[in-house]
Amino acid sequence: MAGGLDALAQPNTREPKEGGTVAEPLVTSPPVVMAPRADGFEVAWGVGRLSRGWVEWREDGGATGRAGSDAFGMVPQDAEVLRVRVSGWQAGHTREFRTVTESVLGPAERHESPWKNVRTLDPQAATAHFAVWNDTHQNEATLRALHRSTPEVDLLVWNGDLCNDWKQPGEFVSTILSPAGQDVSAGRPLAVVVGNHDVRGTWAFQLDDYVAAPEGRPFSAFRVGPVAVVVLHTGEDKPDSHPTFEGRVAFEPLRAEQAEWLRGATARPAIRDAPYKVVFCHIPLRWIDETPADYDAEGYDWFSRMSRDAWHDALVVWGAQIVVSGHTHLPAWLPPSREFPYGQLVAGGPDDEPTSEEAATWIQGVATEGELTLTMRTLDGAVLHQVSLPPLP
């Protein structure tokens, strides 16, 4: 498994960014594979100054190619992060790729990343293997332990609260693209689910510059072998009108938009007819104690009643089997019931101490023709919950 930034270019002398005192390298993160699809994916990587970049690929047999234009016909260019959408590949196909970065301002410099394997999703595969992280909150001990523990998989779902908040504008690359200095998408393409802490802070509005999604919105539906995956954005843990948000959020219309979208997305044949149906969202849709929160007394939602009210009927019609969430930092399994035909699996999170990974968990999902098993483990390997689901008829 690839690790660290060992292969990145060394810093060279240049004018620092405003307020900075240390020159940065041209490239500041590994190339991160996000938003995997059956026909491609998106690559994002950090840069230290205004640069342009593209993706080159090669495969056994000698075929090669290049991807590197944006929606307006420009080669991707930015002073913080470059993103390239790769399309036109075959489902379940493995190739090598690398990123090429060239400086636009300052000393002329070119950087070629190491070659890296990537495999597109295969909706027709008989099996699927995925992993889930959540509530890492920039905790480097947790991130290093998760990186060590998690094998190569078809998909890594980072299920929200990657950060604490975005009060510092320069933390996006180190938090999302090189967390604890690691290449987290090596051997495991990344699907990011937005959590409530990920939309907090002065600079939170820049999040979508660094997080790619298959359909360009923070919600999506796709197949990983026999598993239909729906990703939803539960927004904040208080109403939009709460004074702490200072009028800067609008999650109530976003939930309504997702409700409308969900009815159409789950009617697509590949999503409608999948043997297994899994939902990922950061804040649970169910919880152990559903007493209403007292927002005036610094209360907050342990589960998103607003999201459930918006999406429940569509999820039931679709036949969702399980919702996988984080947020509470308390592991829990709520089995299906007559009122809620879908189970709710809630993963743990690290303690508040910045160097402590205690109580953090990760989930491994394995789907075969006979069952889908989700196993929640602590970072020392102990099993907290194991849920097995039969294939739908």
Protein backbone atom coordinates (compact mmCIF):
# COMPACT_ATOMS: atom_id res chain seq x y z
CA MET A 1 0.00 0.00 0.00
CA ALA A 2 1.44 3.35 -1.01
CA GLY A 3 2.05 5.74 1.84
CA GLY A 4 3.18 9.25 2.64
CA LEU A 5 4.49 12.00 0.46
CA ASP A 6 7.93 10.49 -0.08
CA ALA A 7 7.71 10.77 -3.86
CA LEU A 8 6.55 14.36 -3.99
CA ALA A 9 8.80 17.08 -5.35
CA GLN A 10 11.08 18.83 -2.91
CA PRO A 11 10.38 22.49 -2.11
CA ASN A 12 12.02 25.11 -4.23
CA THR A 13 12.52 28.77 -3.40
CA ARG A 14 9.63 31.04 -4.32
CA GLU A 15 7.56 33.85 -2.90
CA PRO A 16 5.38 32.49 -0.08
CA LYS A 17 1.61 32.87 -0.12
CA GLU A 18 0.14 35.85 1.64
CA GLY A 19 0.81 35.46 5.33
CA GLY A 20 3.13 32.52 4.76
CA THR A 21 6.76 32.24 5.76
CA VAL A 22 7.82 28.89 4.30
CA ALA A 23 8.04 28.08 0.61
CA GLU A 24 5.94 25.08 -0.39
CA PRO A 25 6.64 22.43 -3.01
CA LEU A 26 4.87 22.65 -6.35
CA VAL A 27 2.75 19.60 -5.41
CA THR A 28 1.46 19.30 -1.84
CA SER A 29 -0.44 15.98 -1.82
CA PRO A 30 -0.67 12.65 -3.57
CA PRO A 31 -3.20 12.36 -6.40
CA VAL A 32 -6.42 11.30 -4.68
CA VAL A 33 -8.91 9.11 -6.56
CA MET A 34 -12.46 10.29 -5.73
CA ALA A 35 -16.00 9.76 -6.97
CA PRO A 36 -15.37 6.41 -8.67
CA ARG A 37 -17.81 5.43 -11.41
CA ALA A 38 -18.20 2.55 -13.82
CA ASP A 39 -16.71 4.70 -16.59
CA GLY A 40 -14.11 6.66 -14.65
CA PHE A 41 -13.36 8.75 -11.57
CA GLU A 42 -11.98 12.14 -10.58
CA VAL A 43 -8.45 12.92 -9.42
CA ALA A 44 -7.67 15.79 -7.03
CA TRP A 45 -4.27 16.92 -5.79
CA GLY A 46 -2.87 19.89 -3.92
CA VAL A 47 -0.48 22.44 -5.40
CA GLY A 48 1.65 25.10 -3.77
CA ARG A 49 1.21 27.88 -6.33
CA LEU A 50 -0.64 28.63 -9.54
CA SER A 51 -0.20 25.55 -11.70
CA ARG A 52 -1.78 23.57 -14.49
CA GLY A 53 -2.14 19.81 -14.57
CA TRP A 54 -3.52 16.73 -16.26
CA VAL A 55 -3.76 12.95 -15.89
CA GLU A 56 -1.88 10.42 -18.03
CA TRP A 57 -2.75 6.72 -18.10
CA ARG A 58 -1.29 3.52 -19.49
CA GLU A 59 -2.19 -0.17 -19.51
CA ASP A 60 -0.71 -3.54 -20.36
CA GLY A 61 -0.43 -3.85 -24.10
CA GLY A 62 0.90 -0.33 -24.59
CA ALA A 63 -2.28 1.75 -24.79
CA THR A 64 -1.92 5.24 -23.33
CA GLY A 65 -4.08 8.32 -22.92
CA ARG A 66 -4.49 11.68 -21.31
CA ALA A 67 -7.30 13.55 -19.54
CA GLY A 68 -7.05 17.22 -18.75
CA SER A 69 -9.70 19.74 -19.70
CA ASP A 70 -12.38 21.46 -17.68
CA ALA A 71 -15.98 22.29 -18.57
CA PHE A 72 -14.90 25.47 -20.34
CA GLY A 73 -12.13 23.89 -22.43
CA MET A 74 -9.25 24.97 -20.23
CA VAL A 75 -6.49 22.79 -18.84
CA PRO A 76 -7.26 22.64 -15.07
CA GLN A 77 -5.43 25.49 -13.30
CA ASP A 78 -5.45 26.67 -9.70
CA ALA A 79 -3.17 27.90 -6.91
CA GLU A 80 -4.42 25.40 -4.27
CA VAL A 81 -5.95 22.27 -5.83
CA LEU A 82 -6.19 20.69 -9.28
CA ARG A 83 -9.00 18.34 -10.30
CA VAL A 84 -9.36 16.23 -13.43
CA ARG A 85 -12.39 14.13 -14.35
CA VAL A 86 -11.50 10.92 -16.17
CA SER A 87 -14.20 9.34 -18.36
CA GLY A 88 -14.66 6.76 -21.10
CA TRP A 89 -13.14 3.76 -19.34
CA GLN A 90 -14.67 0.28 -19.22
CA ALA A 91 -16.38 -0.94 -16.05
CA GLY A 92 -14.15 -3.02 -13.78
CA HIS A 93 -11.06 -2.02 -15.76
CA THR A 94 -7.63 -1.50 -14.16
CA ARG A 95 -5.04 0.90 -15.48
CA GLU A 96 -2.13 2.91 -14.15
CA PHE A 97 -2.28 6.68 -14.02
CA ARG A 98 -0.14 9.58 -12.92
CA THR A 99 -0.63 13.32 -12.61
CA VAL A 100 1.55 15.89 -14.33
CA THR A 101 1.82 19.38 -12.84
CA GLU A 102 3.52 22.43 -14.30
CA SER A 103 3.98 25.79 -12.65
CA VAL A 104 2.29 28.80 -14.25
CA LEU A 105 3.84 31.54 -12.10
CA GLY A 106 7.25 31.69 -10.50
CA PRO A 107 10.16 29.43 -11.38
CA ALA A 108 9.40 26.93 -14.16
CA GLU A 109 8.88 23.51 -12.64
CA ARG A 110 7.30 20.22 -13.67
CA HIS A 111 6.23 17.37 -11.40
CA GLU A 112 5.20 13.85 -12.38
CA SER A 113 3.60 11.74 -9.66
CA PRO A 114 4.44 8.05 -9.30
CA TRP A 115 2.27 5.70 -11.37
CA LYS A 116 -0.72 4.44 -9.39
CA ASN A 117 -3.20 1.63 -10.09
CA VAL A 118 -6.91 2.44 -10.26
CA ARG A 119 -9.90 0.26 -11.07
CA THR A 120 -13.31 1.51 -12.14
CA LEU A 121 -16.43 0.20 -10.44
CA ASP A 122 -18.08 -2.88 -11.90
CA PRO A 123 -21.88 -2.96 -11.49
CA GLN A 124 -21.98 -6.50 -12.90
CA ALA A 125 -19.47 -8.03 -10.49
CA ALA A 126 -20.76 -10.86 -8.29
CA THR A 127 -18.94 -9.56 -5.22
CA ALA A 128 -18.05 -6.25 -3.60
CA HIS A 129 -15.64 -5.21 -0.88
CA PHE A 130 -15.82 -1.79 0.77
CA ALA A 131 -14.66 -0.01 3.93
CA VAL A 132 -16.06 2.89 5.95
CA TRP A 133 -14.32 5.55 8.03
CA ASN A 134 -16.07 8.34 9.90
CA ASP A 135 -15.54 11.19 12.38
CA THR A 136 -11.79 11.37 11.95
CA HIS A 137 -11.80 15.11 12.89
CA GLN A 138 -8.20 15.68 11.79
CA ASN A 139 -7.07 13.22 14.48
CA GLU A 140 -3.72 12.06 13.12
CA ALA A 141 -3.44 9.04 15.44
CA THR A 142 -6.84 7.81 14.26
CA LEU A 143 -6.00 8.43 10.61
CA ARG A 144 -2.70 6.57 10.80
CA ALA A 145 -4.36 3.62 12.54
CA LEU A 146 -7.18 3.51 10.01
CA HIS A 147 -4.72 3.66 7.13
CA ARG A 148 -2.79 0.72 8.59
CA SER A 149 -5.91 -1.33 9.32
CA THR A 150 -7.86 -0.87 6.09
CA PRO A 151 -7.09 -3.21 3.20
CA GLU A 152 -7.39 -2.46 -0.49
CA VAL A 153 -11.09 -2.37 -1.38
CA ASP A 154 -13.40 -1.51 -4.26
CA LEU A 155 -14.54 1.61 -2.39
CA LEU A 156 -13.60 3.55 0.75
CA VAL A 157 -16.49 5.60 2.13
CA TRP A 158 -15.31 8.49 4.31
CA ASN A 159 -18.59 8.99 6.12
CA GLY A 160 -18.37 12.59 7.30
CA ASP A 161 -16.66 14.87 9.79
CA LEU A 162 -13.28 14.79 8.17
CA CYS A 163 -12.52 18.03 10.00
CA ASN A 164 -13.51 19.94 13.14
CA ASP A 165 -14.36 23.12 11.22
CA TRP A 166 -12.83 25.29 8.52
CA LYS A 167 -11.63 28.32 10.47
CA GLN A 168 -8.26 28.26 8.71
CA PRO A 169 -8.34 28.53 4.90
CA GLY A 170 -5.20 26.50 4.37
CA GLU A 171 -6.30 23.19 5.92
CA PHE A 172 -8.26 21.62 3.07
CA VAL A 173 -5.34 19.90 1.37
CA SER A 174 -3.79 18.53 4.57
CA THR A 175 -7.19 17.36 5.86
CA ILE A 176 -8.76 15.85 2.73
CA LEU A 177 -5.98 15.10 0.24
CA SER A 178 -3.08 14.13 2.51
CA PRO A 179 -4.55 13.37 5.95
CA ALA A 180 -1.73 12.70 8.40
CA GLY A 181 0.57 12.72 5.36
CA GLN A 182 -0.95 9.54 3.91
CA ASP A 183 -2.16 8.49 0.48
CA VAL A 184 -5.55 7.21 1.66
CA SER A 185 -6.90 6.44 -1.83
CA ALA A 186 -4.06 4.07 -2.75
CA GLY A 187 -5.88 0.85 -3.63
CA ARG A 188 -9.24 2.19 -2.43
CA PRO A 189 -11.09 4.86 -4.45
CA LEU A 190 -12.71 7.40 -2.18
CA ALA A 191 -16.34 8.45 -1.76
CA VAL A 192 -16.67 11.40 0.61
CA VAL A 193 -19.89 11.85 2.58
CA VAL A 194 -20.31 15.37 3.95
CA GLY A 195 -20.73 15.63 7.73
CA ASN A 196 -22.01 18.49 9.85
CA HIS A 197 -18.53 19.57 10.96
CA ASP A 198 -17.45 19.61 7.33
CA VAL A 199 -19.83 22.51 6.69
CA ARG A 200 -18.76 24.63 9.68
CA GLY A 201 -16.40 27.57 9.86
CA THR A 202 -15.60 30.68 7.89
CA TRP A 203 -14.16 28.84 4.89
CA ALA A 204 -16.58 25.90 4.70
CA PHE A 205 -18.06 27.26 1.48
CA GLN A 206 -14.87 26.15 -0.28
CA LEU A 207 -15.40 22.47 0.52
CA ASP A 208 -16.68 21.56 -2.94
CA ASP A 209 -13.39 22.75 -4.46
CA TYR A 210 -11.69 19.79 -2.79
CA VAL A 211 -14.37 17.07 -2.74
CA ALA A 212 -15.56 15.43 -5.96
CA ALA A 213 -18.85 13.57 -6.35
CA PRO A 214 -20.00 11.39 -9.28
CA GLU A 215 -22.88 13.69 -10.26
CA GLY A 216 -21.40 16.99 -9.08
CA ARG A 217 -23.72 17.23 -6.06
CA PRO A 218 -23.08 16.03 -2.46
CA PHE A 219 -25.44 13.07 -2.99
CA SER A 220 -25.22 10.18 -5.43
CA ALA A 221 -26.36 6.67 -6.32
CA PHE A 222 -24.19 4.00 -7.93
CA ARG A 223 -23.47 0.26 -7.99
CA VAL A 224 -20.49 -1.56 -6.49
CA GLY A 225 -20.98 -5.09 -7.74
CA PRO A 226 -24.24 -6.37 -6.25
CA VAL A 227 -24.53 -3.41 -3.84
CA ALA A 228 -26.54 -0.31 -4.72
CA VAL A 229 -25.10 2.63 -2.80
CA VAL A 230 -27.00 5.82 -2.03
CA VAL A 231 -25.02 8.71 -0.51
CA LEU A 232 -27.03 11.48 1.20
CA HIS A 233 -26.10 14.79 2.84
CA THR A 234 -27.83 15.22 6.22
CA GLY A 235 -26.68 18.81 6.70
CA GLU A 236 -26.23 20.34 10.13
CA ASP A 237 -27.39 19.08 13.54
CA LYS A 238 -29.57 22.14 14.19
CA PRO A 239 -32.12 24.05 12.07
CA ASP A 240 -30.83 26.50 9.47
CA SER A 241 -32.24 29.38 11.53
CA HIS A 242 -30.04 28.62 14.55
CA PRO A 243 -28.05 31.77 15.44
CA THR A 244 -24.71 29.96 15.49
CA PHE A 245 -24.93 29.56 11.69
CA GLU A 246 -25.26 33.32 11.17
CA GLY A 247 -27.50 32.81 8.14
CA ARG A 248 -24.77 31.00 6.18
CA VAL A 249 -26.42 27.58 5.67
CA ALA A 250 -29.39 26.34 3.66
CA PHE A 251 -29.77 22.64 4.35
CA GLU A 252 -33.54 22.55 4.47
CA PRO A 253 -33.87 23.17 0.71
CA LEU A 254 -30.99 20.74 0.12
CA ARG A 255 -32.88 17.99 1.97
CA ALA A 256 -35.97 18.72 -0.13
CA GLU A 257 -33.89 18.56 -3.31
CA GLN A 258 -32.50 15.19 -2.25
CA ALA A 259 -35.99 13.88 -1.54
CA GLU A 260 -37.04 14.66 -5.12
CA TRP A 261 -33.79 13.30 -6.53
CA LEU A 262 -34.03 10.13 -4.44
CA ARG A 263 -37.30 9.06 -6.02
CA GLY A 264 -35.76 9.23 -9.48
CA ALA A 265 -32.35 7.80 -8.59
CA THR A 266 -33.78 4.71 -6.89
CA ALA A 267 -35.99 4.03 -9.92
CA ARG A 268 -32.95 3.53 -12.18
CA PRO A 269 -32.85 -0.20 -13.05
CA ALA A 270 -29.31 -0.73 -11.73
CA ILE A 271 -30.23 0.85 -8.38
CA ARG A 272 -33.81 -0.47 -8.21
CA ASP A 273 -32.94 -4.09 -8.94
CA ALA A 274 -29.73 -4.49 -6.91
CA PRO A 275 -29.49 -7.49 -4.56
CA TYR A 276 -28.33 -5.22 -1.70
CA LYS A 277 -29.34 -1.64 -0.93
CA VAL A 278 -27.19 0.48 1.38
CA VAL A 279 -27.46 4.15 2.40
CA PHE A 280 -24.53 6.21 3.69
CA CYS A 281 -25.22 9.49 5.50
CA HIS A 282 -23.29 11.11 8.31
CA ILE A 283 -26.01 11.86 10.86
CA PRO A 284 -28.14 8.79 11.67
CA LEU A 285 -31.76 8.69 10.57
CA ARG A 286 -32.65 6.77 13.75
CA TRP A 287 -31.27 6.80 17.29
CA ILE A 288 -31.63 5.09 20.64
CA ASP A 289 -33.19 8.13 22.33
CA GLU A 290 -35.24 10.35 20.05
CA THR A 291 -36.12 13.03 22.62
CA PRO A 292 -36.24 16.39 20.78
CA ALA A 293 -33.12 18.51 21.22
CA ASP A 294 -33.29 21.76 23.20
CA TYR A 295 -31.41 24.03 20.80
CA ASP A 296 -31.71 27.01 23.15
CA ALA A 297 -29.73 25.08 25.76
CA GLU A 298 -26.89 24.17 23.39
CA GLY A 299 -28.63 20.95 22.38
CA TYR A 300 -28.10 19.34 18.98
CA ASP A 301 -29.51 16.46 16.97
CA TRP A 302 -28.17 13.00 17.70
CA PHE A 303 -30.20 11.86 14.70
CA SER A 304 -31.56 13.88 11.78
CA ARG A 305 -35.32 13.88 12.14
CA MET A 306 -35.49 16.54 9.40
CA SER A 307 -33.68 14.24 6.98
CA ARG A 308 -35.75 11.22 7.93
CA ASP A 309 -38.99 13.13 7.49
CA ALA A 310 -37.83 14.14 4.00
CA TRP A 311 -36.47 10.77 2.82
CA HIS A 312 -38.16 7.98 4.79
CA ASP A 313 -40.99 7.20 2.38
CA ALA A 314 -38.68 7.06 -0.64
CA LEU A 315 -36.24 4.79 1.20
CA VAL A 316 -39.03 2.41 2.18
CA VAL A 317 -40.43 2.29 -1.36
CA TRP A 318 -36.93 1.57 -2.67
CA GLY A 319 -36.36 -1.18 -0.12
CA ALA A 320 -33.31 0.22 1.67
CA GLN A 321 -31.89 -2.48 3.94
CA ILE A 322 -29.45 -0.50 6.07
CA VAL A 323 -28.36 3.08 6.78
CA VAL A 324 -24.69 3.46 7.82
CA SER A 325 -23.79 6.61 9.76
CA GLY A 326 -21.42 8.18 12.28
CA HIS A 327 -21.80 11.48 14.16
CA THR A 328 -22.57 10.21 17.67
CA HIS A 329 -19.10 8.71 18.35
CA LEU A 330 -21.09 5.93 20.06
CA PRO A 331 -21.37 2.61 18.19
CA ALA A 332 -24.91 1.27 17.88
CA TRP A 333 -27.03 -1.15 15.88
CA LEU A 334 -30.76 -0.55 15.58
CA PRO A 335 -32.38 -3.51 13.78
CA PRO A 336 -35.20 -3.04 11.29
CA SER A 337 -38.71 -2.73 12.71
CA ARG A 338 -42.25 -2.48 11.40
CA GLU A 339 -42.00 1.32 11.45
CA PHE A 340 -38.46 1.39 10.06
CA PRO A 341 -37.83 -1.47 7.62
CA TYR A 342 -34.19 -0.40 7.30
CA GLY A 343 -31.63 -1.05 10.05
CA GLN A 344 -29.38 1.73 11.36
CA LEU A 345 -25.68 1.03 11.93
CA VAL A 346 -23.80 3.83 13.72
CA ALA A 347 -20.02 3.74 13.99
CA GLY A 348 -17.82 5.10 16.75
CA GLY A 349 -15.38 7.98 16.68
CA PRO A 350 -12.13 9.00 18.38
CA ASP A 351 -11.96 10.63 21.78
CA ASP A 352 -11.60 14.39 22.01
CA GLU A 353 -7.89 14.24 22.81
CA PRO A 354 -6.04 15.18 19.61
CA THR A 355 -3.63 12.25 19.85
CA SER A 356 -6.05 9.58 21.07
CA GLU A 357 -7.68 7.13 18.70
CA GLU A 358 -9.60 5.29 21.41
CA ALA A 359 -13.23 4.54 20.57
CA ALA A 360 -12.64 5.03 16.84
CA THR A 361 -13.95 2.26 14.59
CA TRP A 362 -14.02 1.21 10.96
CA ILE A 363 -16.46 -0.94 9.04
CA GLN A 364 -15.68 -3.63 6.50
CA GLY A 365 -18.38 -4.63 4.04
CA VAL A 366 -18.23 -7.85 2.01
CA ALA A 367 -20.98 -8.75 -0.43
CA THR A 368 -21.31 -12.12 -2.11
CA GLU A 369 -24.17 -13.81 -3.92
CA GLY A 370 -25.33 -15.24 -0.59
CA GLU A 371 -25.10 -12.30 1.84
CA LEU A 372 -23.82 -8.83 2.63
CA THR A 373 -21.86 -8.70 5.88
CA LEU A 374 -20.88 -5.46 7.60
CA THR A 375 -18.36 -5.85 10.41
CA MET A 376 -17.54 -2.94 12.73
CA ARG A 377 -14.15 -3.17 14.41
CA THR A 378 -12.17 -1.10 16.85
CA LEU A 379 -8.68 -0.13 15.79
CA ASP A 380 -7.21 -3.03 17.76
CA GLY A 381 -9.36 -5.47 15.76
CA ALA A 382 -12.14 -6.24 18.26
CA VAL A 383 -15.54 -6.77 16.63
CA LEU A 384 -18.26 -4.50 18.02
CA HIS A 385 -21.10 -5.31 15.62
CA GLN A 386 -21.59 -7.70 12.75
CA VAL A 387 -24.68 -7.42 10.58
CA SER A 388 -25.56 -9.90 7.82
CA LEU A 389 -28.19 -9.10 5.21
CA PRO A 390 -29.72 -11.53 2.73
CA PRO A 391 -30.01 -10.61 -0.94
CA LEU A 392 -33.30 -9.06 -1.94
CA PRO A 393 -35.54 -11.13 -4.20
